[in-house]
Structures are given as structure tokens and as C-alpha cells.
Amino acid sequence: MTHVRPTSNAFSTLREAVAETERQMITRQLQETNYNLLQTAKRLEIDRNTLKRKMRLLGIVRDAQSS
């Protein structure tokens, strides 16, 4: 049996962990593509509309500095 050690940033639910992982991945790709939604969606291998929906649900907004 494998034991997993809890980390300092442990989440209380799987849903929270998945949301935070998605938030980090999407944010990183948005920054790398200078917030080009089409390129970000292609890198993540998802539809652009799916990306926009996830951004809205996860509270991801374009940085003012990225404009």
C-alpha cells in the first residue's frame, strides 16, 4: 500500500485540487502566449470556448500589465 504524505498546500477536496491545478496551468500558458486565447487553447489541447468558460469559472482575468 502506498502512503501519501500531506503537503503544506493540501486541499480539502479533489475538486479544489483540480481547480487549482487548472488555474495554474491556464495562467502559465496565458502568460507564455501573451494572453492569446487561441494559442493557449491549442497548447492545452482544448477548444477556445472551453478555455474561456474555464477562465470565467476559475476567476482568471487578463493582467493589466499584459495588455
C-alpha atoms as a PDB file:
ATOM      1  CA  MET A   1       0.000   0.000   0.000  1.00  0.00           C
ATOM      2  CA  THR A   2       1.295   3.433  -0.936  1.00  0.00           C
ATOM      3  CA  HIS A   3       1.145   6.203   1.614  1.00  0.00           C
ATOM      4  CA  VAL A   4       0.922   9.816   0.520  1.00  0.00           C
ATOM      5  CA  ARG A   5       2.370  12.453   2.798  1.00  0.00           C
ATOM      6  CA  PRO A   6       0.194  15.551   3.091  1.00  0.00           C
ATOM      7  CA  THR A   7       1.808  18.714   1.861  1.00  0.00           C
ATOM      8  CA  SER A   8       1.529  22.192   3.317  1.00  0.00           C
ATOM      9  CA  ASN A   9      -0.805  23.207   0.472  1.00  0.00           C
ATOM     10  CA  ALA A  10      -3.112  20.183   0.794  1.00  0.00           C
ATOM     11  CA  PHE A  11      -6.661  20.765  -0.395  1.00  0.00           C
ATOM     12  CA  SER A  12      -9.738  19.604   1.450  1.00  0.00           C
ATOM     13  CA  THR A  13     -11.380  18.199  -1.689  1.00  0.00           C
ATOM     14  CA  LEU A  14     -10.340  16.723  -5.006  1.00  0.00           C
ATOM     15  CA  ARG A  15     -12.446  19.399  -6.722  1.00  0.00           C
ATOM     16  CA  GLU A  16     -10.339  22.147  -5.087  1.00  0.00           C
ATOM     17  CA  ALA A  17      -7.104  20.434  -6.092  1.00  0.00           C
ATOM     18  CA  VAL A  18      -8.235  20.039  -9.706  1.00  0.00           C
ATOM     19  CA  ALA A  19      -9.422  23.651  -9.887  1.00  0.00           C
ATOM     20  CA  GLU A  20      -6.114  24.967  -8.535  1.00  0.00           C
ATOM     21  CA  THR A  21      -4.112  22.795 -10.931  1.00  0.00           C
ATOM     22  CA  GLU A  22      -6.207  24.006 -13.886  1.00  0.00           C
ATOM     23  CA  ARG A  23      -5.859  27.610 -12.706  1.00  0.00           C
ATOM     24  CA  GLN A  24      -2.064  27.302 -12.564  1.00  0.00           C
ATOM     25  CA  MET A  25      -1.760  25.577 -15.952  1.00  0.00           C
ATOM     26  CA  ILE A  26      -4.065  28.011 -17.733  1.00  0.00           C
ATOM     27  CA  THR A  27      -2.436  31.065 -16.146  1.00  0.00           C
ATOM     28  CA  ARG A  28       1.055  29.873 -17.090  1.00  0.00           C
ATOM     29  CA  GLN A  29       0.055  29.256 -20.715  1.00  0.00           C
ATOM     30  CA  LEU A  30      -1.773  32.591 -20.940  1.00  0.00           C
ATOM     31  CA  GLN A  31       1.342  34.389 -19.745  1.00  0.00           C
ATOM     32  CA  GLU A  32       3.589  32.482 -22.160  1.00  0.00           C
ATOM     33  CA  THR A  33       1.317  33.335 -25.115  1.00  0.00           C
ATOM     34  CA  ASN A  34       0.785  36.952 -24.017  1.00  0.00           C
ATOM     35  CA  TYR A  35      -2.876  36.110 -23.357  1.00  0.00           C
ATOM     36  CA  ASN A  36      -3.536  34.823 -26.880  1.00  0.00           C
ATOM     37  CA  LEU A  37      -6.594  32.654 -26.222  1.00  0.00           C
ATOM     38  CA  LEU A  38      -6.354  30.650 -29.440  1.00  0.00           C
ATOM     39  CA  GLN A  39      -2.688  29.752 -28.882  1.00  0.00           C
ATOM     40  CA  THR A  40      -3.331  28.985 -25.211  1.00  0.00           C
ATOM     41  CA  ALA A  41      -6.228  26.680 -26.104  1.00  0.00           C
ATOM     42  CA  LYS A  42      -4.089  24.903 -28.695  1.00  0.00           C
ATOM     43  CA  ARG A  43      -1.267  24.374 -26.190  1.00  0.00           C
ATOM     44  CA  LEU A  44      -3.720  22.979 -23.649  1.00  0.00           C
ATOM     45  CA  GLU A  45      -5.445  20.911 -26.369  1.00  0.00           C
ATOM     46  CA  ILE A  46      -8.893  22.295 -25.552  1.00  0.00           C
ATOM     47  CA  ASP A  47     -11.418  24.345 -27.501  1.00  0.00           C
ATOM     48  CA  ARG A  48     -11.156  28.141 -27.203  1.00  0.00           C
ATOM     49  CA  ASN A  49     -14.705  28.334 -25.849  1.00  0.00           C
ATOM     50  CA  THR A  50     -13.813  25.754 -23.194  1.00  0.00           C
ATOM     51  CA  LEU A  51     -10.813  27.890 -22.250  1.00  0.00           C
ATOM     52  CA  LYS A  52     -12.988  30.993 -21.937  1.00  0.00           C
ATOM     53  CA  ARG A  53     -15.518  29.097 -19.785  1.00  0.00           C
ATOM     54  CA  LYS A  54     -12.795  27.736 -17.502  1.00  0.00           C
ATOM     55  CA  MET A  55     -11.253  31.193 -17.171  1.00  0.00           C
ATOM     56  CA  ARG A  56     -14.625  32.596 -16.117  1.00  0.00           C
ATOM     57  CA  LEU A  57     -15.307  29.755 -13.658  1.00  0.00           C
ATOM     58  CA  LEU A  58     -11.803  29.922 -12.173  1.00  0.00           C
ATOM     59  CA  GLY A  59     -11.784  33.718 -11.929  1.00  0.00           C
ATOM     60  CA  ILE A  60      -8.862  34.193 -14.321  1.00  0.00           C
ATOM     61  CA  VAL A  61      -8.696  37.683 -15.794  1.00  0.00           C
ATOM     62  CA  ARG A  62      -6.135  39.306 -18.040  1.00  0.00           C
ATOM     63  CA  ASP A  63      -3.437  41.183 -16.143  1.00  0.00           C
ATOM     64  CA  ALA A  64      -3.445  44.925 -16.750  1.00  0.00           C
ATOM     65  CA  GLN A  65       0.300  44.654 -17.438  1.00  0.00           C
ATOM     66  CA  SER A  66      -0.299  42.082 -20.204  1.00  0.00           C
ATOM     67  CA  SER A  67      -2.327  44.495 -22.366  1.00  0.00           C
END
